[in-house]
N, C-alpha and C. Protein backbone atom coordinates (compact mmCIF):
# COMPACT_ATOMS: atom_id res chain seq x y z
N MET A 1 139.77 107.25 -110.22
CA MET A 1 140.07 107.83 -110.02
C MET A 1 141.26 108.44 -109.67
N LEU A 2 142.44 108.80 -109.60
CA LEU A 2 143.60 108.34 -109.05
C LEU A 2 144.10 110.01 -108.23
N LEU A 3 144.62 109.42 -107.24
CA LEU A 3 144.65 110.50 -106.26
C LEU A 3 146.37 110.73 -106.05
N GLN A 4 147.20 111.62 -105.60
CA GLN A 4 148.13 111.15 -104.94
C GLN A 4 147.96 111.53 -103.78
N THR A 5 149.21 111.56 -102.70
CA THR A 5 149.50 112.38 -100.90
C THR A 5 150.44 113.21 -101.08
N ASP A 6 150.10 113.95 -99.88
CA ASP A 6 150.93 115.36 -100.18
C ASP A 6 152.03 114.53 -99.13
N ALA A 7 152.67 115.61 -98.98
CA ALA A 7 154.13 114.80 -97.91
C ALA A 7 153.62 114.61 -96.55
N ARG A 8 153.04 115.04 -96.42
CA ARG A 8 151.79 114.13 -94.64
C ARG A 8 150.92 113.41 -94.60
N ARG A 9 150.99 112.94 -96.31
CA ARG A 9 150.51 111.41 -95.81
C ARG A 9 148.57 111.99 -96.67
N ARG A 10 148.32 112.93 -97.05
CA ARG A 10 146.82 114.27 -96.62
C ARG A 10 147.00 113.51 -98.68
N ILE A 11 145.14 113.18 -99.03
CA ILE A 11 145.10 113.74 -99.59
C ILE A 11 143.54 114.69 -99.79
N THR A 12 143.62 114.97 -101.05
CA THR A 12 142.60 115.70 -101.09
C THR A 12 141.34 114.91 -102.10
N LEU A 13 139.80 114.77 -102.35
CA LEU A 13 139.51 113.93 -101.80
C LEU A 13 137.99 116.06 -102.97
N PRO A 14 137.96 115.69 -104.59
CA PRO A 14 137.38 116.25 -105.09
C PRO A 14 136.32 117.00 -105.12
N PRO A 15 135.51 117.71 -105.36
CA PRO A 15 133.99 117.55 -104.68
C PRO A 15 132.70 116.78 -105.95
N ILE A 16 133.11 116.52 -106.39
CA ILE A 16 132.61 115.14 -107.35
C ILE A 16 132.21 114.22 -105.84
N VAL A 17 132.88 113.54 -105.40
CA VAL A 17 132.79 113.20 -104.68
C VAL A 17 131.70 112.73 -103.63
N GLY A 18 131.06 114.29 -102.91
CA GLY A 18 129.87 115.41 -102.09
C GLY A 18 129.79 115.09 -100.57
N ILE A 19 131.82 115.08 -100.19
CA ILE A 19 132.08 115.64 -98.84
C ILE A 19 132.36 116.72 -98.23
N LYS A 20 131.56 116.80 -97.90
CA LYS A 20 132.30 118.61 -97.31
C LYS A 20 133.79 119.12 -96.26
N PRO A 21 133.81 120.12 -95.96
CA PRO A 21 135.12 120.29 -94.72
C PRO A 21 133.89 120.26 -93.76
N GLY A 22 134.52 119.30 -92.71
CA GLY A 22 133.62 119.23 -91.61
C GLY A 22 132.98 117.85 -91.01
N ASP A 23 132.81 117.12 -93.25
CA ASP A 23 131.88 116.11 -92.77
C ASP A 23 132.61 114.74 -92.01
N ALA A 24 131.76 113.89 -91.12
CA ALA A 24 132.72 112.81 -90.58
C ALA A 24 133.00 111.01 -91.77
N ILE A 25 133.63 111.25 -91.37
CA ILE A 25 134.10 109.66 -92.37
C ILE A 25 134.43 108.46 -91.48
N ASP A 26 133.88 107.42 -91.49
CA ASP A 26 134.29 106.73 -91.05
C ASP A 26 135.65 105.72 -92.01
N LEU A 27 137.38 105.46 -92.13
CA LEU A 27 138.16 104.79 -92.27
C LEU A 27 138.25 103.71 -92.02
N GLU A 28 138.24 102.48 -93.31
CA GLU A 28 138.67 101.44 -92.99
C GLU A 28 138.98 100.84 -94.32
N VAL A 29 140.15 100.04 -93.76
CA VAL A 29 141.32 99.36 -94.40
C VAL A 29 140.86 97.76 -94.54
N LEU A 30 140.52 97.42 -95.63
CA LEU A 30 140.14 95.71 -96.10
C LEU A 30 140.97 94.86 -96.06
N ASP A 31 140.91 94.30 -96.28
CA ASP A 31 141.35 92.88 -96.17
C ASP A 31 142.32 92.66 -97.03
N ASP A 32 142.25 92.78 -98.65
CA ASP A 32 142.72 93.26 -99.52
C ASP A 32 144.16 94.65 -99.74
N GLY A 33 144.34 95.89 -98.44
CA GLY A 33 144.99 96.34 -98.62
C GLY A 33 144.19 97.95 -99.49
N ARG A 34 142.86 97.44 -99.66
CA ARG A 34 141.96 98.31 -100.71
C ARG A 34 141.23 99.67 -99.05
N ILE A 35 141.22 100.61 -99.40
CA ILE A 35 140.37 101.46 -98.58
C ILE A 35 139.07 102.43 -99.13
N MET A 36 139.01 102.40 -97.24
CA MET A 36 137.43 102.38 -97.75
C MET A 36 137.06 103.32 -96.96
N LEU A 37 135.88 104.48 -97.43
CA LEU A 37 135.82 106.26 -96.70
C LEU A 37 134.36 105.62 -96.87
N ILE A 38 133.53 105.99 -95.69
CA ILE A 38 132.27 106.31 -95.72
C ILE A 38 132.23 107.31 -94.44
N PRO A 39 131.13 107.86 -95.35
CA PRO A 39 130.56 108.92 -94.86
C PRO A 39 129.29 109.06 -93.84
N VAL A 40 129.41 109.05 -92.73
CA VAL A 40 128.94 109.00 -91.25
C VAL A 40 128.61 109.89 -90.62
N GLU A 41 127.06 109.93 -89.88
CA GLU A 41 126.53 110.59 -88.35
C GLU A 41 126.77 110.89 -87.70
N PRO A 42 127.87 111.66 -87.12
CA PRO A 42 127.94 110.89 -85.73
C PRO A 42 126.37 110.81 -84.65
N ILE A 43 126.74 110.34 -84.06
CA ILE A 43 124.68 110.51 -82.89
C ILE A 43 125.20 110.82 -81.72
N PRO A 44 124.96 111.79 -80.83
CA PRO A 44 125.85 112.25 -79.46
C PRO A 44 125.21 111.29 -78.89
N LYS A 45 125.96 111.04 -77.81
CA LYS A 45 126.05 109.66 -76.62
C LYS A 45 124.16 109.63 -75.85
N HIS A 46 124.40 111.78 -75.71
CA HIS A 46 122.71 110.89 -74.80
C HIS A 46 121.69 110.76 -75.58
N GLN A 47 121.96 110.93 -77.00
CA GLN A 47 120.89 109.64 -78.44
C GLN A 47 120.67 108.09 -78.11
N LEU A 48 122.18 108.11 -77.95
CA LEU A 48 122.53 106.28 -78.31
C LEU A 48 120.79 105.35 -78.05
N TRP A 49 120.53 105.96 -77.03
CA TRP A 49 119.69 104.66 -76.36
C TRP A 49 118.59 103.96 -77.06
N ALA A 50 118.26 104.90 -78.70
CA ALA A 50 117.24 104.85 -79.63
C ALA A 50 117.94 103.96 -80.73
N TRP A 51 119.35 103.51 -80.98
CA TRP A 51 120.01 103.31 -81.67
C TRP A 51 120.17 101.62 -81.10
N THR A 52 119.29 101.09 -79.73
CA THR A 52 119.63 99.93 -79.56
C THR A 52 119.02 99.00 -79.91
N ALA A 53 118.52 97.55 -80.02
CA ALA A 53 117.63 96.26 -80.86
C ALA A 53 117.13 96.40 -80.55
N GLU A 54 116.49 96.92 -78.65
CA GLU A 54 115.46 96.60 -77.68
C GLU A 54 115.12 98.76 -78.35
N ALA A 55 115.20 100.06 -78.53
CA ALA A 55 114.64 100.59 -78.55
C ALA A 55 113.79 100.85 -80.01
N LYS A 56 114.78 100.01 -81.40
CA LYS A 56 114.23 100.25 -82.40
C LYS A 56 113.05 99.31 -83.25
N GLN A 57 113.01 97.98 -82.43
CA GLN A 57 111.64 97.18 -81.94
C GLN A 57 110.26 97.27 -81.27
N SER A 58 110.45 98.32 -80.59
CA SER A 58 109.71 98.71 -79.93
C SER A 58 109.02 100.16 -80.83
N VAL A 59 110.13 100.59 -81.47
CA VAL A 59 109.51 101.55 -82.20
C VAL A 59 108.95 100.90 -83.40
N SER A 60 109.44 100.15 -83.94
CA SER A 60 108.83 99.19 -84.62
C SER A 60 107.56 98.52 -84.38
N SER A 61 107.13 98.03 -83.57
CA SER A 61 106.32 97.31 -83.39
C SER A 61 105.16 98.86 -83.23
N SER A 62 105.42 99.83 -82.00
CA SER A 62 104.22 100.96 -81.97
C SER A 62 104.07 101.66 -83.27
N LEU A 63 105.03 101.05 -83.88
CA LEU A 63 104.47 102.36 -85.54
C LEU A 63 103.40 100.61 -86.31
N ALA A 64 104.01 99.86 -85.69
CA ALA A 64 102.53 98.39 -86.41
C ALA A 64 100.60 98.19 -85.28
N ASP A 65 100.79 99.63 -84.42
CA ASP A 65 99.78 99.16 -84.18
C ASP A 65 98.90 99.92 -84.37
N LEU A 66 97.58 99.14 -84.34
CA LEU A 66 96.64 100.06 -85.28
C LEU A 66 95.26 100.68 -84.44
N ARG A 67 95.72 100.21 -83.13
CA ARG A 67 95.02 101.34 -81.96
C ARG A 67 94.79 102.36 -82.53
N PRO A 68 94.21 103.07 -81.83
CA PRO A 68 93.84 104.82 -82.26
C PRO A 68 94.52 105.25 -81.21
N SER A 69 95.27 106.60 -81.64
CA SER A 69 96.17 107.26 -81.12
C SER A 69 94.97 108.00 -79.98
N VAL A 70 95.24 107.96 -78.64
CA VAL A 70 94.32 108.44 -77.38
C VAL A 70 95.29 110.23 -77.01
N GLU A 71 94.43 111.33 -77.26
CA GLU A 71 95.78 112.28 -76.84
C GLU A 71 95.26 112.18 -74.95
N VAL A 72 95.89 112.57 -74.14
CA VAL A 72 96.77 111.62 -72.90
C VAL A 72 96.51 113.30 -71.63
N THR A 73 96.14 114.18 -71.44
CA THR A 73 96.28 115.53 -70.60
C THR A 73 95.97 115.01 -69.28
N THR A 74 95.30 114.35 -68.18
CA THR A 74 95.25 113.94 -67.30
C THR A 74 96.19 112.62 -66.58
N ALA A 75 96.23 112.59 -65.47
CA ALA A 75 97.19 112.13 -64.88
C ALA A 75 95.34 110.63 -64.96
N LYS A 76 94.82 111.45 -64.34
CA LYS A 76 93.55 109.88 -64.63
C LYS A 76 93.30 109.37 -65.47
N GLN A 77 93.36 110.29 -67.23
CA GLN A 77 93.36 109.56 -68.34
C GLN A 77 94.12 107.93 -68.41
N ALA A 78 95.33 108.30 -68.11
CA ALA A 78 96.21 108.19 -68.62
C ALA A 78 96.17 106.99 -67.09
N GLU A 79 95.89 107.05 -66.63
CA GLU A 79 95.59 105.83 -65.80
C GLU A 79 94.36 104.68 -65.93
N ALA A 80 93.14 105.37 -66.93
CA ALA A 80 92.73 104.62 -66.91
C ALA A 80 93.02 104.37 -68.09
N ILE A 81 93.70 104.20 -69.30
CA ILE A 81 94.67 104.41 -70.73
C ILE A 81 94.86 102.69 -70.46
N ALA A 82 95.83 103.08 -69.02
CA ALA A 82 96.86 101.55 -68.64
C ALA A 82 96.34 100.44 -68.02
N LYS A 83 95.07 100.82 -67.32
CA LYS A 83 94.47 99.51 -66.81
C LYS A 83 93.73 99.10 -67.83
N ARG A 84 93.47 99.64 -68.55
CA ARG A 84 92.61 99.36 -70.53
C ARG A 84 94.23 98.74 -71.02
N TRP A 85 95.19 98.89 -71.53
CA TRP A 85 95.87 98.34 -71.99
C TRP A 85 96.70 96.84 -71.38
N VAL A 86 96.45 97.10 -69.60
CA VAL A 86 97.66 95.70 -68.83
C VAL A 86 97.24 94.57 -69.76
N ASP A 87 95.64 93.95 -70.68
CA ASP A 87 95.10 92.59 -70.56
C ASP A 87 95.40 92.27 -72.00
N GLU A 88 95.50 94.19 -72.95
CA GLU A 88 96.23 93.79 -73.92
C GLU A 88 97.82 92.87 -74.92
N ASN A 89 97.58 92.49 -75.84
CA ASN A 89 98.85 91.82 -76.19
C ASN A 89 99.61 92.77 -76.69
């Protein structure tokens, strides 16, 4: 697909590429001079903690945990469960 820049070095992407107005795009210039446009979803700063390696590992571990789910409705129940899990791996 051949595109031509305008006087301000802008290009117009055709709708077929699937990028809509307002979409966030990461632009990367490769060593050989090619330009790569990568659609991205920005993550709000207050949610960045969830994308750390430690958080991802915790989520993966919890999903692999075969123990049954327990609904905790009181502080007393939470203490009992915490005591029970202290000695587990």
